[in-house]
Amino acid sequence: MDRFRFPDDLIRAQQEWHATYRALAVPRPRRSTGLRRRLLRLSVRIEWHPFWSTPEGRSPAARVELRRRTADVRDRRSEGAA
């Protein structure tokens, strides 16, 4: 059983953040200004999500777990494509 029950919108925002970050990390990304703005908006959405005000979300481990879970999803997608 998962220790943290993250809201779906928070998980999606973190997944989108990872995807946007990867898009910016390529050499000479296209539309870099728009990507940077999107990354900033997603960062704000994640940082100020109401989940972090709950007893479950106050734990620093919750933020680490969110990133770990969304990275796992990203890794599984890339393994399936290979």
N, C-alpha and C. Protein backbone atom coordinates (compact mmCIF):
# COMPACT_ATOMS: atom_id res chain seq x y z
N MET A 1 0.84 -1.18 0.00
CA MET A 1 0.00 0.00 0.00
C MET A 1 0.89 1.24 0.00
N ASP A 2 0.47 2.24 -0.73
CA ASP A 2 1.23 3.48 -0.81
C ASP A 2 1.09 4.27 0.47
N ARG A 3 2.20 4.84 0.90
CA ARG A 3 2.19 5.64 2.12
C ARG A 3 1.46 6.96 1.92
N PHE A 4 1.62 7.54 0.74
CA PHE A 4 1.00 8.83 0.44
C PHE A 4 -0.04 8.67 -0.66
N ARG A 5 -1.17 9.30 -0.47
CA ARG A 5 -2.22 9.30 -1.50
C ARG A 5 -2.25 10.69 -2.12
N PHE A 6 -1.54 10.83 -3.21
CA PHE A 6 -1.45 12.12 -3.89
C PHE A 6 -2.68 12.33 -4.76
N PRO A 7 -3.19 13.56 -4.79
CA PRO A 7 -4.29 13.87 -5.71
C PRO A 7 -3.82 13.71 -7.16
N ASP A 8 -4.73 13.30 -8.01
CA ASP A 8 -4.39 13.08 -9.42
C ASP A 8 -3.85 14.33 -10.10
N ASP A 9 -4.42 15.49 -9.77
CA ASP A 9 -3.95 16.72 -10.43
C ASP A 9 -2.52 17.07 -10.01
N LEU A 10 -2.14 16.73 -8.80
CA LEU A 10 -0.76 16.97 -8.36
C LEU A 10 0.21 16.02 -9.07
N ILE A 11 -0.18 14.79 -9.24
CA ILE A 11 0.66 13.83 -9.96
C ILE A 11 0.83 14.25 -11.41
N ARG A 12 -0.28 14.66 -12.05
CA ARG A 12 -0.19 15.12 -13.45
C ARG A 12 0.70 16.35 -13.57
N ALA A 13 0.58 17.29 -12.64
CA ALA A 13 1.40 18.50 -12.70
C ALA A 13 2.88 18.14 -12.57
N GLN A 14 3.22 17.21 -11.69
CA GLN A 14 4.62 16.81 -11.54
C GLN A 14 5.11 16.08 -12.78
N GLN A 15 4.27 15.26 -13.38
CA GLN A 15 4.65 14.57 -14.62
C GLN A 15 4.88 15.59 -15.74
N GLU A 16 4.00 16.58 -15.84
CA GLU A 16 4.16 17.62 -16.85
C GLU A 16 5.42 18.43 -16.59
N TRP A 17 5.73 18.66 -15.32
CA TRP A 17 6.94 19.40 -14.96
C TRP A 17 8.17 18.64 -15.47
N HIS A 18 8.22 17.32 -15.22
CA HIS A 18 9.34 16.51 -15.71
C HIS A 18 9.45 16.57 -17.23
N ALA A 19 8.32 16.44 -17.91
CA ALA A 19 8.33 16.47 -19.38
C ALA A 19 8.81 17.82 -19.90
N THR A 20 8.36 18.90 -19.30
CA THR A 20 8.78 20.24 -19.71
C THR A 20 10.26 20.44 -19.45
N TYR A 21 10.72 19.98 -18.31
CA TYR A 21 12.14 20.10 -17.98
C TYR A 21 13.00 19.35 -18.99
N ARG A 22 12.56 18.13 -19.35
CA ARG A 22 13.30 17.36 -20.35
C ARG A 22 13.31 18.08 -21.71
N ALA A 23 12.20 18.71 -22.06
CA ALA A 23 12.13 19.44 -23.33
C ALA A 23 13.10 20.62 -23.33
N LEU A 24 13.29 21.24 -22.17
CA LEU A 24 14.23 22.35 -22.07
C LEU A 24 15.68 21.87 -22.04
N ALA A 25 15.90 20.64 -21.64
CA ALA A 25 17.26 20.12 -21.47
C ALA A 25 17.94 19.74 -22.77
N VAL A 26 17.18 19.62 -23.85
CA VAL A 26 17.81 19.25 -25.12
C VAL A 26 18.61 20.43 -25.66
N PRO A 27 19.64 20.17 -26.44
CA PRO A 27 20.40 21.27 -27.02
C PRO A 27 19.51 22.14 -27.93
N ARG A 28 19.57 23.41 -27.75
CA ARG A 28 18.83 24.39 -28.55
C ARG A 28 17.33 24.05 -28.64
N PRO A 29 16.64 24.05 -27.52
CA PRO A 29 15.21 23.70 -27.55
C PRO A 29 14.40 24.73 -28.32
N ARG A 30 13.34 24.26 -28.96
CA ARG A 30 12.44 25.16 -29.68
C ARG A 30 11.49 25.77 -28.67
N ARG A 31 11.12 27.01 -28.89
CA ARG A 31 10.16 27.72 -28.03
C ARG A 31 10.59 27.68 -26.56
N SER A 32 11.86 27.97 -26.31
CA SER A 32 12.39 27.87 -24.95
C SER A 32 11.73 28.85 -23.98
N THR A 33 11.35 30.03 -24.46
CA THR A 33 10.69 30.99 -23.58
C THR A 33 9.36 30.43 -23.08
N GLY A 34 8.59 29.86 -23.97
CA GLY A 34 7.31 29.26 -23.59
C GLY A 34 7.50 28.08 -22.64
N LEU A 35 8.52 27.29 -22.88
CA LEU A 35 8.80 26.15 -22.00
C LEU A 35 9.21 26.62 -20.60
N ARG A 36 10.03 27.67 -20.55
CA ARG A 36 10.44 28.20 -19.24
C ARG A 36 9.24 28.75 -18.48
N ARG A 37 8.36 29.44 -19.19
CA ARG A 37 7.15 29.96 -18.54
C ARG A 37 6.27 28.83 -18.04
N ARG A 38 6.14 27.78 -18.84
CA ARG A 38 5.33 26.62 -18.43
C ARG A 38 5.94 25.96 -17.20
N LEU A 39 7.26 25.81 -17.21
CA LEU A 39 7.94 25.21 -16.06
C LEU A 39 7.70 26.02 -14.79
N LEU A 40 7.74 27.32 -14.93
CA LEU A 40 7.48 28.21 -13.79
C LEU A 40 6.05 28.06 -13.29
N ARG A 41 5.08 28.05 -14.21
CA ARG A 41 3.67 27.89 -13.80
C ARG A 41 3.45 26.55 -13.12
N LEU A 42 4.03 25.50 -13.66
CA LEU A 42 3.89 24.18 -13.05
C LEU A 42 4.56 24.13 -11.67
N SER A 43 5.70 24.77 -11.55
CA SER A 43 6.39 24.82 -10.25
C SER A 43 5.52 25.48 -9.20
N VAL A 44 4.87 26.57 -9.57
CA VAL A 44 3.99 27.28 -8.64
C VAL A 44 2.79 26.41 -8.29
N ARG A 45 2.21 25.77 -9.30
CA ARG A 45 1.04 24.90 -9.07
C ARG A 45 1.40 23.77 -8.10
N ILE A 46 2.57 23.18 -8.28
CA ILE A 46 3.00 22.08 -7.41
C ILE A 46 3.30 22.60 -6.01
N GLU A 47 4.06 23.67 -5.93
CA GLU A 47 4.48 24.21 -4.62
C GLU A 47 3.30 24.63 -3.75
N TRP A 48 2.29 25.23 -4.35
CA TRP A 48 1.16 25.77 -3.58
C TRP A 48 -0.07 24.87 -3.62
N HIS A 49 0.09 23.62 -4.01
CA HIS A 49 -1.04 22.70 -4.04
C HIS A 49 -1.57 22.49 -2.61
N PRO A 50 -2.89 22.45 -2.43
CA PRO A 50 -3.47 22.26 -1.09
C PRO A 50 -3.03 20.98 -0.38
N PHE A 51 -2.59 19.98 -1.12
CA PHE A 51 -2.14 18.74 -0.50
C PHE A 51 -1.04 18.98 0.53
N TRP A 52 -0.16 19.93 0.26
CA TRP A 52 0.97 20.18 1.16
C TRP A 52 0.53 20.76 2.50
N SER A 53 -0.72 21.21 2.60
CA SER A 53 -1.25 21.74 3.86
C SER A 53 -1.89 20.65 4.72
N THR A 54 -2.03 19.46 4.19
CA THR A 54 -2.63 18.36 4.95
C THR A 54 -1.56 17.73 5.84
N PRO A 55 -1.98 17.02 6.89
CA PRO A 55 -0.98 16.35 7.74
C PRO A 55 -0.08 15.40 6.94
N GLU A 56 -0.66 14.70 5.98
CA GLU A 56 0.11 13.77 5.15
C GLU A 56 1.14 14.51 4.28
N GLY A 57 0.77 15.67 3.79
CA GLY A 57 1.63 16.43 2.89
C GLY A 57 2.70 17.24 3.58
N ARG A 58 2.62 17.40 4.89
CA ARG A 58 3.61 18.22 5.60
C ARG A 58 4.96 17.54 5.72
N SER A 59 5.00 16.26 5.51
CA SER A 59 6.24 15.50 5.63
C SER A 59 7.15 15.79 4.43
N PRO A 60 8.42 16.10 4.68
CA PRO A 60 9.35 16.29 3.55
C PRO A 60 9.45 15.05 2.67
N ALA A 61 9.21 13.89 3.26
CA ALA A 61 9.27 12.65 2.49
C ALA A 61 8.19 12.60 1.42
N ALA A 62 7.09 13.32 1.63
CA ALA A 62 6.01 13.33 0.64
C ALA A 62 6.48 13.94 -0.68
N ARG A 63 7.25 15.01 -0.60
CA ARG A 63 7.75 15.65 -1.83
C ARG A 63 8.72 14.73 -2.57
N VAL A 64 9.56 14.05 -1.81
CA VAL A 64 10.51 13.11 -2.41
C VAL A 64 9.74 11.96 -3.07
N GLU A 65 8.73 11.47 -2.38
CA GLU A 65 7.94 10.35 -2.92
C GLU A 65 7.20 10.75 -4.19
N LEU A 66 6.68 11.97 -4.24
CA LEU A 66 5.99 12.44 -5.45
C LEU A 66 6.95 12.42 -6.63
N ARG A 67 8.14 12.96 -6.44
CA ARG A 67 9.13 12.96 -7.53
C ARG A 67 9.54 11.54 -7.92
N ARG A 68 9.68 10.65 -6.92
CA ARG A 68 10.07 9.27 -7.21
C ARG A 68 8.99 8.57 -8.03
N ARG A 69 7.74 8.75 -7.63
CA ARG A 69 6.65 8.09 -8.35
C ARG A 69 6.52 8.60 -9.78
N THR A 70 6.65 9.89 -9.96
CA THR A 70 6.50 10.43 -11.32
C THR A 70 7.72 10.07 -12.16
N ALA A 71 8.88 9.94 -11.56
CA ALA A 71 10.07 9.51 -12.31
C ALA A 71 9.90 8.05 -12.71
N ASP A 72 9.31 7.23 -11.85
CA ASP A 72 9.07 5.83 -12.18
C ASP A 72 8.16 5.72 -13.40
N VAL A 73 7.13 6.51 -13.44
CA VAL A 73 6.21 6.49 -14.59
C VAL A 73 6.96 6.88 -15.85
N ARG A 74 7.77 7.90 -15.76
CA ARG A 74 8.56 8.37 -16.91
C ARG A 74 9.50 7.26 -17.38
N ASP A 75 10.17 6.58 -16.44
CA ASP A 75 11.11 5.52 -16.80
C ASP A 75 10.40 4.34 -17.45
N ARG A 76 9.23 3.99 -16.94
CA ARG A 76 8.47 2.88 -17.52
C ARG A 76 8.06 3.20 -18.95
N ARG A 77 7.67 4.44 -19.20
CA ARG A 77 7.28 4.84 -20.57
C ARG A 77 8.46 4.70 -21.51
N SER A 78 9.65 5.17 -21.09
CA SER A 78 10.80 5.12 -21.98
C SER A 78 11.26 3.67 -22.20
N GLU A 79 11.10 2.79 -21.20
CA GLU A 79 11.46 1.38 -21.37
C GLU A 79 10.53 0.72 -22.38
N GLY A 80 9.24 1.08 -22.34
CA GLY A 80 8.27 0.50 -23.27
C GLY A 80 8.53 0.92 -24.71
N ALA A 81 9.11 2.11 -24.89
CA ALA A 81 9.37 2.61 -26.23
C ALA A 81 10.61 1.98 -26.84
N ALA A 82 11.49 1.45 -25.98
CA ALA A 82 12.76 0.89 -26.48
C ALA A 82 12.59 -0.49 -27.05
